[in-house]
Protein backbone atom coordinates (compact mmCIF):
# COMPACT_ATOMS: atom_id res chain seq x y z
CA UNK A 1 -28.24 -26.90 -19.15
CA UNK A 2 -26.33 -26.34 -15.91
CA UNK A 3 -22.95 -24.62 -16.42
CA UNK A 4 -22.12 -24.32 -12.73
CA UNK A 5 -18.93 -25.86 -11.45
CA UNK A 6 -19.54 -27.76 -8.24
CA UNK A 7 -17.30 -28.88 -5.43
CA UNK A 8 -17.63 -32.63 -4.81
CA UNK A 9 -18.75 -32.74 -1.19
CA UNK A 10 -18.95 -36.54 -1.29
CA UNK A 11 -15.28 -37.12 -2.12
CA UNK A 12 -13.41 -39.23 0.44
CA UNK A 13 -11.55 -37.33 3.13
CA UNK A 14 -7.77 -36.94 2.69
CA UNK A 15 -5.53 -39.24 4.70
CA UNK A 16 -3.02 -37.35 6.81
CA UNK A 17 0.56 -38.44 6.14
CA UNK A 18 1.73 -40.90 8.79
CA UNK A 19 -1.65 -40.92 10.59
CA UNK A 20 -4.56 -43.33 10.44
CA UNK A 21 -7.23 -40.65 10.96
CA UNK A 22 -8.96 -38.79 8.16
CA UNK A 23 -9.25 -35.02 7.95
CA UNK A 24 -12.53 -33.63 6.70
CA UNK A 25 -12.30 -30.43 4.73
CA UNK A 26 -15.47 -28.35 4.50
CA UNK A 27 -15.40 -26.78 1.03
CA UNK A 28 -16.70 -23.25 0.66
CA UNK A 29 -18.44 -23.03 -2.64
CA UNK A 30 -18.71 -19.80 -4.62
CA UNK A 31 -20.38 -20.30 -7.95
CA UNK A 32 -20.40 -17.65 -10.62
CA UNK A 33 -22.41 -18.17 -13.80
CA UNK A 34 -21.21 -15.83 -16.53
CA UNK A 35 -23.74 -16.67 -19.24
CA UNK A 36 -26.33 -13.97 -19.76
CA UNK A 37 -30.05 -14.69 -19.50
CA UNK A 38 -31.64 -15.34 -22.90
CA UNK A 39 -33.23 -12.21 -24.36
CA UNK A 40 -36.86 -11.95 -25.48
CA UNK A 41 -37.84 -14.84 -23.18
CA UNK A 42 -39.83 -14.38 -19.98
CA UNK A 43 -38.49 -15.76 -16.72
CA UNK A 44 -39.21 -15.57 -13.00
CA UNK A 45 -36.17 -13.89 -11.44
CA UNK A 46 -36.40 -15.58 -8.03
CA UNK A 47 -36.50 -19.02 -9.72
CA UNK A 48 -33.43 -18.69 -11.97
CA UNK A 49 -31.02 -19.11 -9.07
CA UNK A 50 -30.97 -21.70 -6.30
CA UNK A 51 -29.64 -21.72 -2.77
CA UNK A 52 -26.65 -24.02 -2.28
CA UNK A 53 -25.61 -24.83 1.31
CA UNK A 54 -22.58 -22.86 2.57
CA UNK A 55 -22.37 -20.99 -0.73
CA UNK A 56 -22.72 -17.73 -2.59
CA UNK A 57 -24.13 -18.15 -6.12
CA UNK A 58 -23.98 -15.30 -8.65
CA UNK A 59 -25.69 -15.36 -12.05
CA UNK A 60 -25.25 -12.65 -14.65
CA UNK A 61 -28.49 -11.44 -16.21
CA UNK A 62 -27.00 -8.67 -18.39
CA UNK A 63 -23.33 -7.66 -18.72
CA UNK A 64 -22.41 -4.67 -20.87
CA UNK A 65 -19.57 -2.15 -20.85
CA UNK A 66 -22.06 0.43 -19.54
CA UNK A 67 -23.24 -1.71 -16.62
CA UNK A 68 -24.55 -5.05 -15.46
CA UNK A 69 -27.38 -6.82 -13.68
CA UNK A 70 -26.77 -9.90 -11.55
CA UNK A 71 -28.88 -12.08 -9.30
CA UNK A 72 -27.22 -13.58 -6.23
CA UNK A 73 -28.22 -16.18 -3.64
CA UNK A 74 -26.39 -16.28 -0.32
CA UNK A 75 -26.82 -19.04 2.25
CA UNK A 76 -27.15 -18.33 5.98
CA UNK A 77 -23.85 -17.30 7.56
CA UNK A 78 -22.18 -16.39 4.26
CA UNK A 79 -21.39 -12.93 2.87
CA UNK A 80 -20.36 -11.22 -0.33
CA UNK A 81 -16.76 -10.04 -0.34
CA UNK A 82 -16.29 -6.59 1.19
CA UNK A 83 -15.71 -4.09 -1.59
CA UNK A 84 -15.72 -0.50 -2.75
CA UNK A 85 -17.19 0.16 -6.21
CA UNK A 86 -16.50 3.26 -8.31
CA UNK A 87 -20.21 3.24 -9.28
CA UNK A 88 -23.54 3.39 -7.45
CA UNK A 89 -25.03 -0.09 -6.96
CA UNK A 90 -28.78 -0.66 -6.70
CA UNK A 91 -29.64 -3.67 -4.49
CA UNK A 92 -33.13 -5.20 -4.34
CA UNK A 93 -33.92 -8.14 -2.05
CA UNK A 94 -36.18 -10.63 -3.84
CA UNK A 95 -36.22 -13.39 -1.19
CA UNK A 96 -35.26 -13.61 2.47
CA UNK A 97 -33.51 -10.90 4.45
CA UNK A 98 -30.10 -9.29 3.84
CA UNK A 99 -27.86 -7.11 5.99
CA UNK A 100 -26.20 -4.40 3.90
CA UNK A 101 -23.38 -2.55 5.65
CA UNK A 102 -22.41 0.74 4.02
CA UNK A 103 -19.38 2.45 5.58
CA UNK A 104 -20.06 0.45 8.75
CA UNK A 105 -23.76 1.38 9.00
CA UNK A 106 -26.10 -1.63 9.05
CA UNK A 107 -29.28 -1.75 6.96
CA UNK A 108 -31.60 -4.78 7.23
CA UNK A 109 -33.61 -5.33 4.03
CA UNK A 110 -36.47 -7.80 3.57
CA UNK A 111 -37.94 -9.13 0.31
CA UNK A 112 -39.26 -6.21 -1.75
CA UNK A 113 -36.95 -3.62 -0.15
CA UNK A 114 -34.09 -1.87 -1.94
CA UNK A 115 -31.11 0.35 -1.25
CA UNK A 116 -28.55 2.24 -3.33
CA UNK A 117 -24.96 1.74 -2.26
CA UNK A 118 -23.20 5.02 -3.15
CA UNK A 119 -20.10 4.97 -5.33
CA UNK A 120 -16.80 4.81 -3.39
CA UNK A 121 -18.50 3.48 -0.24
CA UNK A 122 -17.06 0.50 1.60
CA UNK A 123 -19.77 -2.17 1.70
CA UNK A 124 -20.49 -5.77 2.57
CA UNK A 125 -23.69 -7.78 2.19
CA UNK A 126 -24.24 -10.48 4.83
CA UNK A 127 -26.72 -13.33 5.28
CA UNK A 128 -27.91 -13.58 8.86
CA UNK A 129 -30.57 -15.67 7.09
CA UNK A 130 -30.42 -16.74 3.47
CA UNK A 131 -31.44 -14.31 0.74
CA UNK A 132 -31.56 -13.58 -2.97
CA UNK A 133 -30.84 -10.14 -4.43
CA UNK A 134 -30.71 -8.33 -7.74
CA UNK A 135 -27.72 -6.00 -8.13
CA UNK A 136 -27.70 -3.32 -10.83
CA UNK A 137 -24.68 -1.19 -11.70
CA UNK A 138 -24.87 1.53 -14.36
CA UNK A 139 -21.45 2.79 -15.39
CA UNK A 140 -22.38 5.43 -17.96
CA UNK A 141 -22.87 9.04 -16.93
CA UNK A 142 -20.00 9.07 -14.43
CA UNK A 143 -17.25 11.64 -14.70
CA UNK A 144 -13.67 10.49 -14.55
CA UNK A 145 -12.55 10.08 -10.95
CA UNK A 146 -8.85 10.62 -10.32
């Protein structure tokens, strides 16, 4: 069962008003699957998410009020949105190679390598080549931050 919404890349190009030429629009696809992985069933993490050209795909494995685990695939040349999280985020590369920028400092991680992005740090994760990662955020245990 595939719950992903997909952009139709085969749809005819739009006609420009008053012109005979067609304009091609390259869709940027960001797919987020919000269904959790089935519990008590084994799975191979690197196989539960696919690469889609020119896209970032995010699948939720576990989502709770105390934290979440997601797996993400990012195609070459794409990036996750720059952000600052109020919680530490554990990143593990499970395929390919990712560039993780934390407060402007670049870290290149290959499959099997991990890094913790500290809470309140500006970060972006870029694909100089395609990659898959597991992201884990644990929200409990943090004091209130004003």
